[in-house]
N, C-alpha and C. Protein backbone atom coordinates (compact mmCIF):
# COMPACT_ATOMS: atom_id res chain seq x y z
N MET A 1 0.82 -1.20 0.00
CA MET A 1 0.00 0.00 0.00
C MET A 1 0.86 1.27 0.00
N ILE A 2 2.03 1.19 0.63
CA ILE A 2 2.92 2.35 0.62
C ILE A 2 3.39 2.61 -0.81
N ARG A 3 3.75 1.57 -1.53
CA ARG A 3 4.17 1.73 -2.93
C ARG A 3 3.02 2.31 -3.76
N ALA A 4 1.81 1.85 -3.51
CA ALA A 4 0.65 2.36 -4.25
C ALA A 4 0.45 3.85 -3.96
N GLN A 5 0.57 4.22 -2.70
CA GLN A 5 0.46 5.64 -2.32
C GLN A 5 1.50 6.47 -3.07
N LEU A 6 2.72 6.01 -3.04
CA LEU A 6 3.81 6.76 -3.66
C LEU A 6 3.69 6.78 -5.18
N ARG A 7 3.26 5.67 -5.78
CA ARG A 7 3.06 5.64 -7.24
C ARG A 7 2.02 6.66 -7.66
N ARG A 8 0.96 6.75 -6.89
CA ARG A 8 -0.09 7.73 -7.23
C ARG A 8 0.40 9.15 -7.03
N LEU A 9 1.15 9.39 -5.97
CA LEU A 9 1.69 10.72 -5.74
C LEU A 9 2.68 11.11 -6.83
N LEU A 10 3.37 10.12 -7.38
CA LEU A 10 4.38 10.36 -8.42
C LEU A 10 3.84 10.10 -9.82
N TYR A 11 2.53 10.05 -9.96
CA TYR A 11 1.87 9.88 -11.25
C TYR A 11 2.38 8.66 -12.02
N GLY A 12 2.55 7.55 -11.31
CA GLY A 12 2.87 6.30 -11.96
C GLY A 12 4.36 6.01 -12.13
N ASP A 13 5.24 6.84 -11.63
CA ASP A 13 6.68 6.60 -11.75
C ASP A 13 7.08 5.50 -10.77
N GLU A 14 7.09 4.26 -11.27
CA GLU A 14 7.32 3.10 -10.40
C GLU A 14 8.72 3.09 -9.80
N ALA A 15 9.72 3.46 -10.57
CA ALA A 15 11.10 3.44 -10.06
C ALA A 15 11.26 4.43 -8.90
N ALA A 16 10.77 5.63 -9.09
CA ALA A 16 10.87 6.63 -8.01
C ALA A 16 10.04 6.20 -6.80
N ALA A 17 8.87 5.61 -7.05
CA ALA A 17 8.03 5.13 -5.95
C ALA A 17 8.73 4.03 -5.17
N ASP A 18 9.38 3.13 -5.87
CA ASP A 18 10.12 2.05 -5.19
C ASP A 18 11.26 2.61 -4.35
N ASP A 19 11.97 3.60 -4.90
CA ASP A 19 13.06 4.22 -4.14
C ASP A 19 12.53 4.89 -2.87
N LEU A 20 11.43 5.63 -3.01
CA LEU A 20 10.86 6.30 -1.84
C LEU A 20 10.27 5.30 -0.84
N ALA A 21 9.72 4.20 -1.34
CA ALA A 21 9.19 3.17 -0.43
C ALA A 21 10.32 2.57 0.39
N GLN A 22 11.43 2.30 -0.26
CA GLN A 22 12.59 1.78 0.46
C GLN A 22 13.07 2.78 1.51
N GLU A 23 13.13 4.04 1.12
CA GLU A 23 13.52 5.10 2.05
C GLU A 23 12.54 5.17 3.23
N THR A 24 11.25 5.01 2.93
CA THR A 24 10.22 5.04 3.96
C THR A 24 10.43 3.94 4.99
N PHE A 25 10.66 2.72 4.52
CA PHE A 25 10.80 1.60 5.44
C PHE A 25 12.10 1.67 6.24
N VAL A 26 13.17 2.18 5.65
CA VAL A 26 14.41 2.37 6.39
C VAL A 26 14.19 3.41 7.49
N LEU A 27 13.53 4.51 7.13
CA LEU A 27 13.25 5.56 8.11
C LEU A 27 12.32 5.05 9.21
N ALA A 28 11.32 4.28 8.84
CA ALA A 28 10.40 3.72 9.84
C ALA A 28 11.15 2.79 10.79
N TRP A 29 12.05 1.99 10.26
CA TRP A 29 12.84 1.08 11.10
C TRP A 29 13.69 1.87 12.09
N ARG A 30 14.30 2.95 11.61
CA ARG A 30 15.14 3.78 12.48
C ARG A 30 14.33 4.49 13.56
N LYS A 31 13.09 4.82 13.25
CA LYS A 31 12.26 5.60 14.18
C LYS A 31 11.18 4.74 14.86
N LEU A 32 11.32 3.44 14.80
CA LEU A 32 10.30 2.54 15.33
C LEU A 32 9.98 2.83 16.80
N GLU A 33 10.99 3.21 17.57
CA GLU A 33 10.74 3.50 18.99
C GLU A 33 9.89 4.76 19.18
N GLN A 34 9.76 5.57 18.14
CA GLN A 34 8.95 6.78 18.22
C GLN A 34 7.47 6.52 17.95
N PHE A 35 7.14 5.32 17.48
CA PHE A 35 5.73 4.99 17.23
C PHE A 35 5.03 4.88 18.58
N ARG A 36 4.03 5.77 18.80
CA ARG A 36 3.35 5.85 20.09
C ARG A 36 2.03 5.08 20.12
N GLY A 37 1.55 4.69 18.99
CA GLY A 37 0.29 3.95 18.97
C GLY A 37 -0.94 4.83 18.98
N ASP A 38 -0.79 6.14 18.79
CA ASP A 38 -1.97 7.02 18.76
C ASP A 38 -2.69 6.96 17.42
N ALA A 39 -2.10 6.26 16.46
CA ALA A 39 -2.73 5.99 15.16
C ALA A 39 -2.38 4.56 14.79
N ARG A 40 -3.07 4.03 13.80
CA ARG A 40 -2.72 2.69 13.34
C ARG A 40 -1.29 2.71 12.79
N PHE A 41 -0.64 1.57 12.85
CA PHE A 41 0.74 1.48 12.34
C PHE A 41 0.79 1.83 10.86
N SER A 42 -0.20 1.37 10.09
CA SER A 42 -0.22 1.67 8.65
C SER A 42 -0.37 3.17 8.40
N THR A 43 -1.15 3.84 9.23
CA THR A 43 -1.32 5.29 9.10
C THR A 43 -0.01 6.00 9.39
N TRP A 44 0.71 5.52 10.38
CA TRP A 44 2.02 6.06 10.72
C TRP A 44 2.97 5.90 9.53
N LEU A 45 2.95 4.73 8.88
CA LEU A 45 3.79 4.49 7.70
C LEU A 45 3.41 5.41 6.55
N TYR A 46 2.10 5.61 6.33
CA TYR A 46 1.64 6.53 5.28
C TYR A 46 2.21 7.93 5.52
N ARG A 47 2.23 8.33 6.79
CA ARG A 47 2.74 9.67 7.12
C ARG A 47 4.22 9.78 6.81
N ILE A 48 4.98 8.75 7.14
CA ILE A 48 6.40 8.75 6.84
C ILE A 48 6.61 8.78 5.33
N ALA A 49 5.83 7.98 4.60
CA ALA A 49 5.95 7.94 3.14
C ALA A 49 5.61 9.30 2.53
N TYR A 50 4.58 9.94 3.04
CA TYR A 50 4.21 11.26 2.52
C TYR A 50 5.31 12.28 2.81
N SER A 51 5.91 12.19 3.98
CA SER A 51 7.03 13.08 4.32
C SER A 51 8.22 12.84 3.38
N CYS A 52 8.50 11.58 3.09
CA CYS A 52 9.58 11.26 2.15
C CYS A 52 9.25 11.82 0.77
N PHE A 53 8.00 11.70 0.35
CA PHE A 53 7.57 12.26 -0.93
C PHE A 53 7.79 13.77 -0.96
N LEU A 54 7.37 14.47 0.10
CA LEU A 54 7.55 15.92 0.14
C LEU A 54 9.03 16.29 0.11
N GLN A 55 9.85 15.54 0.83
CA GLN A 55 11.30 15.79 0.83
C GLN A 55 11.87 15.60 -0.57
N SER A 56 11.40 14.58 -1.28
CA SER A 56 11.92 14.30 -2.62
C SER A 56 11.57 15.41 -3.60
N ARG A 57 10.46 16.08 -3.37
CA ARG A 57 10.05 17.17 -4.26
C ARG A 57 10.90 18.41 -4.04
N ARG A 58 11.54 18.50 -2.89
CA ARG A 58 12.40 19.65 -2.59
C ARG A 58 13.78 19.50 -3.23
N LYS A 59 14.17 18.25 -3.55
CA LYS A 59 15.47 18.00 -4.15
C LYS A 59 15.41 18.29 -5.64
N PRO A 60 16.42 18.98 -6.17
CA PRO A 60 16.44 19.19 -7.62
C PRO A 60 16.85 17.90 -8.33
N VAL A 61 15.90 17.32 -9.07
CA VAL A 61 16.15 16.07 -9.77
C VAL A 61 15.60 16.20 -11.18
N ALA A 62 16.34 15.71 -12.16
CA ALA A 62 15.85 15.70 -13.53
C ALA A 62 14.90 14.51 -13.67
N VAL A 63 13.64 14.80 -13.90
CA VAL A 63 12.63 13.76 -14.00
C VAL A 63 11.94 13.87 -15.35
N VAL A 64 11.76 12.74 -16.00
CA VAL A 64 11.01 12.72 -17.26
C VAL A 64 9.54 12.70 -16.89
N GLY A 65 8.78 13.67 -17.37
CA GLY A 65 7.36 13.76 -17.04
C GLY A 65 6.56 12.65 -17.67
N ILE A 66 5.46 12.31 -17.06
CA ILE A 66 4.60 11.24 -17.58
C ILE A 66 4.03 11.61 -18.94
N HIS A 67 3.84 12.90 -19.18
CA HIS A 67 3.28 13.31 -20.47
C HIS A 67 4.23 12.99 -21.61
N GLU A 68 5.55 13.12 -21.36
CA GLU A 68 6.52 12.77 -22.38
C GLU A 68 6.50 11.27 -22.64
N ASN A 69 6.38 10.47 -21.59
CA ASN A 69 6.32 9.02 -21.74
C ASN A 69 5.08 8.60 -22.51
N GLU A 70 3.96 9.24 -22.21
CA GLU A 70 2.71 8.88 -22.88
C GLU A 70 2.79 9.20 -24.37
N ALA A 71 3.46 10.28 -24.73
CA ALA A 71 3.56 10.65 -26.14
C ALA A 71 4.39 9.64 -26.91
N ALA A 72 5.39 9.04 -26.27
CA ALA A 72 6.26 8.10 -26.94
C ALA A 72 5.63 6.70 -27.01
N ALA A 73 4.76 6.37 -26.09
CA ALA A 73 4.16 5.04 -26.04
C ALA A 73 2.99 4.94 -27.02
N PRO A 74 2.85 3.81 -27.68
CA PRO A 74 1.70 3.65 -28.57
C PRO A 74 0.41 3.55 -27.76
N GLU A 75 -0.66 4.06 -28.32
CA GLU A 75 -1.96 4.03 -27.66
C GLU A 75 -2.52 2.61 -27.69
N PRO A 76 -2.96 2.09 -26.53
CA PRO A 76 -3.63 0.79 -26.55
C PRO A 76 -5.02 0.93 -27.15
N ALA A 77 -5.61 -0.18 -27.50
CA ALA A 77 -6.97 -0.16 -28.04
C ALA A 77 -7.89 0.48 -27.01
N PRO A 78 -8.71 1.47 -27.42
CA PRO A 78 -9.54 2.17 -26.45
C PRO A 78 -10.65 1.29 -25.90
N SER A 79 -10.93 1.48 -24.65
CA SER A 79 -12.09 0.87 -24.02
C SER A 79 -12.67 1.91 -23.08
N HIS A 80 -13.91 1.75 -22.74
CA HIS A 80 -14.57 2.75 -21.89
C HIS A 80 -13.89 2.86 -20.54
N ALA A 81 -13.48 1.74 -19.95
CA ALA A 81 -12.83 1.78 -18.64
C ALA A 81 -11.50 2.50 -18.71
N ILE A 82 -10.74 2.24 -19.76
CA ILE A 82 -9.44 2.90 -19.91
C ILE A 82 -9.65 4.39 -20.15
N ASP A 83 -10.61 4.73 -21.02
CA ASP A 83 -10.91 6.14 -21.29
C ASP A 83 -11.28 6.87 -20.00
N LEU A 84 -12.14 6.26 -19.21
CA LEU A 84 -12.56 6.89 -17.96
C LEU A 84 -11.39 7.06 -17.02
N ARG A 85 -10.57 6.03 -16.88
CA ARG A 85 -9.42 6.09 -15.97
C ARG A 85 -8.48 7.22 -16.38
N ILE A 86 -8.19 7.31 -17.67
CA ILE A 86 -7.30 8.37 -18.17
C ILE A 86 -7.90 9.74 -17.90
N ASP A 87 -9.19 9.88 -18.17
CA ASP A 87 -9.85 11.17 -17.96
C ASP A 87 -9.90 11.54 -16.48
N VAL A 88 -10.15 10.58 -15.61
CA VAL A 88 -10.18 10.85 -14.17
C VAL A 88 -8.79 11.26 -13.69
N GLU A 89 -7.76 10.51 -14.12
CA GLU A 89 -6.40 10.86 -13.71
C GLU A 89 -6.02 12.25 -14.21
N SER A 90 -6.40 12.57 -15.43
CA SER A 90 -6.13 13.89 -15.98
C SER A 90 -6.86 14.98 -15.19
N ALA A 91 -8.11 14.72 -14.82
CA ALA A 91 -8.89 15.69 -14.04
C ALA A 91 -8.28 15.87 -12.65
N ILE A 92 -7.84 14.79 -12.04
CA ILE A 92 -7.23 14.88 -10.71
C ILE A 92 -5.98 15.75 -10.76
N ARG A 93 -5.20 15.63 -11.82
CA ARG A 93 -3.98 16.43 -11.95
C ARG A 93 -4.28 17.92 -12.09
N ARG A 94 -5.49 18.25 -12.48
CA ARG A 94 -5.87 19.65 -12.63
C ARG A 94 -6.31 20.27 -11.30
N LEU A 95 -6.49 19.45 -10.28
CA LEU A 95 -6.88 19.95 -8.95
C LEU A 95 -5.68 20.57 -8.25
N PRO A 96 -5.92 21.47 -7.30
CA PRO A 96 -4.82 21.96 -6.46
C PRO A 96 -4.15 20.79 -5.73
N LEU A 97 -2.86 20.90 -5.47
CA LEU A 97 -2.09 19.81 -4.87
C LEU A 97 -2.67 19.33 -3.54
N ALA A 98 -3.16 20.24 -2.72
CA ALA A 98 -3.73 19.84 -1.43
C ALA A 98 -4.96 18.95 -1.63
N GLU A 99 -5.80 19.30 -2.60
CA GLU A 99 -6.99 18.48 -2.88
C GLU A 99 -6.60 17.13 -3.47
N GLN A 100 -5.57 17.13 -4.31
CA GLN A 100 -5.08 15.86 -4.86
C GLN A 100 -4.62 14.94 -3.73
N ALA A 101 -3.85 15.48 -2.80
CA ALA A 101 -3.32 14.68 -1.69
C ALA A 101 -4.44 14.12 -0.82
N VAL A 102 -5.43 14.95 -0.51
CA VAL A 102 -6.54 14.50 0.33
C VAL A 102 -7.35 13.42 -0.38
N LEU A 103 -7.67 13.62 -1.66
CA LEU A 103 -8.44 12.62 -2.39
C LEU A 103 -7.67 11.32 -2.55
N LEU A 104 -6.37 11.41 -2.77
CA LEU A 104 -5.55 10.20 -2.84
C LEU A 104 -5.69 9.38 -1.57
N HIS A 105 -5.52 10.05 -0.44
CA HIS A 105 -5.52 9.32 0.83
C HIS A 105 -6.92 8.88 1.26
N CYS A 106 -7.92 9.73 1.06
CA CYS A 106 -9.28 9.38 1.51
C CYS A 106 -10.01 8.46 0.54
N VAL A 107 -9.92 8.72 -0.73
CA VAL A 107 -10.70 7.97 -1.72
C VAL A 107 -9.91 6.78 -2.25
N GLN A 108 -8.72 7.04 -2.79
CA GLN A 108 -7.97 5.97 -3.42
C GLN A 108 -7.36 4.99 -2.43
N LEU A 109 -6.86 5.48 -1.29
CA LEU A 109 -6.25 4.59 -0.31
C LEU A 109 -7.22 4.18 0.80
N GLY A 110 -8.38 4.80 0.85
CA GLY A 110 -9.42 4.40 1.79
C GLY A 110 -9.19 4.81 3.23
N LEU A 111 -8.39 5.83 3.46
CA LEU A 111 -8.19 6.30 4.83
C LEU A 111 -9.37 7.16 5.27
N SER A 112 -9.63 7.17 6.55
CA SER A 112 -10.66 8.05 7.08
C SER A 112 -10.14 9.48 7.02
N HIS A 113 -11.04 10.44 7.21
CA HIS A 113 -10.61 11.84 7.24
C HIS A 113 -9.61 12.06 8.37
N GLU A 114 -9.83 11.42 9.50
CA GLU A 114 -8.94 11.57 10.64
C GLU A 114 -7.55 11.02 10.32
N GLU A 115 -7.51 9.85 9.67
CA GLU A 115 -6.22 9.26 9.31
C GLU A 115 -5.50 10.12 8.27
N ALA A 116 -6.24 10.63 7.29
CA ALA A 116 -5.64 11.49 6.28
C ALA A 116 -5.09 12.77 6.92
N ALA A 117 -5.81 13.31 7.88
CA ALA A 117 -5.34 14.51 8.59
C ALA A 117 -4.02 14.22 9.29
N TYR A 118 -3.92 13.05 9.89
CA TYR A 118 -2.68 12.65 10.56
C TYR A 118 -1.55 12.50 9.54
N VAL A 119 -1.80 11.78 8.45
CA VAL A 119 -0.78 11.54 7.43
C VAL A 119 -0.30 12.85 6.83
N LEU A 120 -1.22 13.75 6.51
CA LEU A 120 -0.90 14.99 5.81
C LEU A 120 -0.53 16.13 6.75
N SER A 121 -0.63 15.89 8.04
CA SER A 121 -0.35 16.93 9.06
C SER A 121 -1.22 18.17 8.84
N LEU A 122 -2.50 17.92 8.61
CA LEU A 122 -3.47 18.99 8.41
C LEU A 122 -4.57 18.89 9.46
N PRO A 123 -5.22 19.99 9.80
CA PRO A 123 -6.38 19.92 10.69
C PRO A 123 -7.51 19.11 10.02
N LEU A 124 -8.30 18.44 10.83
CA LEU A 124 -9.39 17.61 10.32
C LEU A 124 -10.35 18.41 9.45
N GLY A 125 -10.72 19.60 9.88
CA GLY A 125 -11.63 20.44 9.10
C GLY A 125 -11.08 20.80 7.73
N THR A 126 -9.77 21.01 7.66
CA THR A 126 -9.13 21.33 6.39
C THR A 126 -9.20 20.13 5.45
N VAL A 127 -8.97 18.94 5.98
CA VAL A 127 -9.06 17.72 5.18
C VAL A 127 -10.47 17.56 4.63
N LYS A 128 -11.46 17.75 5.49
CA LYS A 128 -12.85 17.62 5.04
C LYS A 128 -13.19 18.65 3.96
N SER A 129 -12.70 19.88 4.13
CA SER A 129 -12.94 20.92 3.13
C SER A 129 -12.28 20.58 1.81
N HIS A 130 -11.03 20.15 1.85
CA HIS A 130 -10.32 19.78 0.63
C HIS A 130 -11.01 18.60 -0.06
N ALA A 131 -11.49 17.64 0.72
CA ALA A 131 -12.18 16.48 0.13
C ALA A 131 -13.46 16.93 -0.57
N ALA A 132 -14.24 17.75 0.09
CA ALA A 132 -15.51 18.22 -0.50
C ALA A 132 -15.25 19.05 -1.75
N ARG A 133 -14.30 19.99 -1.66
CA ARG A 133 -13.99 20.84 -2.82
C ARG A 133 -13.41 20.03 -3.97
N GLY A 134 -12.53 19.10 -3.65
CA GLY A 134 -11.92 18.27 -4.68
C GLY A 134 -12.94 17.41 -5.40
N LYS A 135 -13.86 16.80 -4.65
CA LYS A 135 -14.91 15.99 -5.27
C LYS A 135 -15.82 16.85 -6.14
N ALA A 136 -16.14 18.04 -5.67
CA ALA A 136 -17.01 18.93 -6.45
C ALA A 136 -16.31 19.35 -7.74
N ARG A 137 -15.02 19.67 -7.65
CA ARG A 137 -14.28 20.05 -8.86
C ARG A 137 -14.17 18.88 -9.83
N LEU A 138 -13.95 17.68 -9.30
CA LEU A 138 -13.89 16.50 -10.17
C LEU A 138 -15.21 16.29 -10.89
N ARG A 139 -16.32 16.42 -10.14
CA ARG A 139 -17.64 16.27 -10.77
C ARG A 139 -17.80 17.27 -11.91
N ALA A 140 -17.39 18.52 -11.67
CA ALA A 140 -17.52 19.55 -12.69
C ALA A 140 -16.63 19.24 -13.90
N LEU A 141 -15.40 18.81 -13.64
CA LEU A 141 -14.47 18.50 -14.73
C LEU A 141 -14.93 17.30 -15.56
N LEU A 142 -15.61 16.36 -14.90
CA LEU A 142 -16.02 15.13 -15.58
C LEU A 142 -17.51 15.12 -15.95
N ALA A 143 -18.19 16.24 -15.76
CA ALA A 143 -19.64 16.30 -15.96
C ALA A 143 -20.05 15.92 -17.37
N GLU A 144 -19.25 16.27 -18.35
CA GLU A 144 -19.62 16.00 -19.72
C GLU A 144 -18.96 14.74 -20.28
N TRP A 145 -18.36 13.93 -19.41
CA TRP A 145 -17.66 12.73 -19.87
C TRP A 145 -18.65 11.77 -20.50
N GLN A 146 -18.32 11.32 -21.68
CA GLN A 146 -19.11 10.34 -22.40
C GLN A 146 -18.18 9.26 -22.91
N PRO A 147 -18.49 7.99 -22.67
CA PRO A 147 -17.61 6.94 -23.15
C PRO A 147 -17.67 6.80 -24.67
N GLY A 148 -16.56 6.38 -25.24
CA GLY A 148 -16.55 6.03 -26.66
C GLY A 148 -16.41 7.21 -27.59
N THR A 149 -16.48 6.90 -28.88
CA THR A 149 -16.34 7.89 -29.93
C THR A 149 -17.63 7.98 -30.70
N LYS A 150 -17.63 8.81 -31.73
CA LYS A 150 -18.83 8.95 -32.56
C LYS A 150 -19.19 7.62 -33.21
N GLU A 151 -18.18 6.85 -33.64
CA GLU A 151 -18.47 5.56 -34.26
C GLU A 151 -19.18 4.62 -33.29
N ASP A 152 -18.73 4.63 -32.02
CA ASP A 152 -19.38 3.77 -31.01
C ASP A 152 -20.85 4.13 -30.86
N LYS A 153 -21.14 5.44 -30.85
CA LYS A 153 -22.52 5.87 -30.64
C LYS A 153 -23.39 5.53 -31.85
N GLN A 154 -22.81 5.50 -33.05
CA GLN A 154 -23.58 5.13 -34.25
C GLN A 154 -23.95 3.67 -34.20
N HIS A 155 -23.07 2.81 -33.67
CA HIS A 155 -23.35 1.38 -33.60
C HIS A 155 -24.39 1.05 -32.55
N VAL A 156 -24.50 1.91 -31.51
CA VAL A 156 -25.47 1.65 -30.44
C VAL A 156 -26.88 1.84 -30.97
N GLY A 157 -27.11 2.88 -31.76
CA GLY A 157 -28.44 3.25 -32.22
C GLY A 157 -28.88 2.39 -33.30
């Protein structure tokens, strides 16, 4: 789950996610005596992973963006599920970073608002506000989403 969290935060960069996951577990091992039990152990790990992610963003690193990779890769055969997934991921990237982080932890990783607040070091009310605003913006961005192409719609009728 830590790798999944980091992959989503890094927009699918598996190598960077694996490096940060390793860093997370080494750091957790070193700080194990600091775990107080006021949150679930997995929530504590998510917080360490998120901190590692934030630290990695502060370091100047040459990274190939996912958009460049997508342009070089051939398009797979379209399907409605793939189209929707791509459109949702694209819409999520258009949200403010705070809303992206909250939706990742609450919706995609299934953490409660309280757990997400702990992981992100934000007040509970702020997490709830970001979640509500992020969901509303996603609905607006995806309001006109329609599966398929014109040819698909001609075959249906």
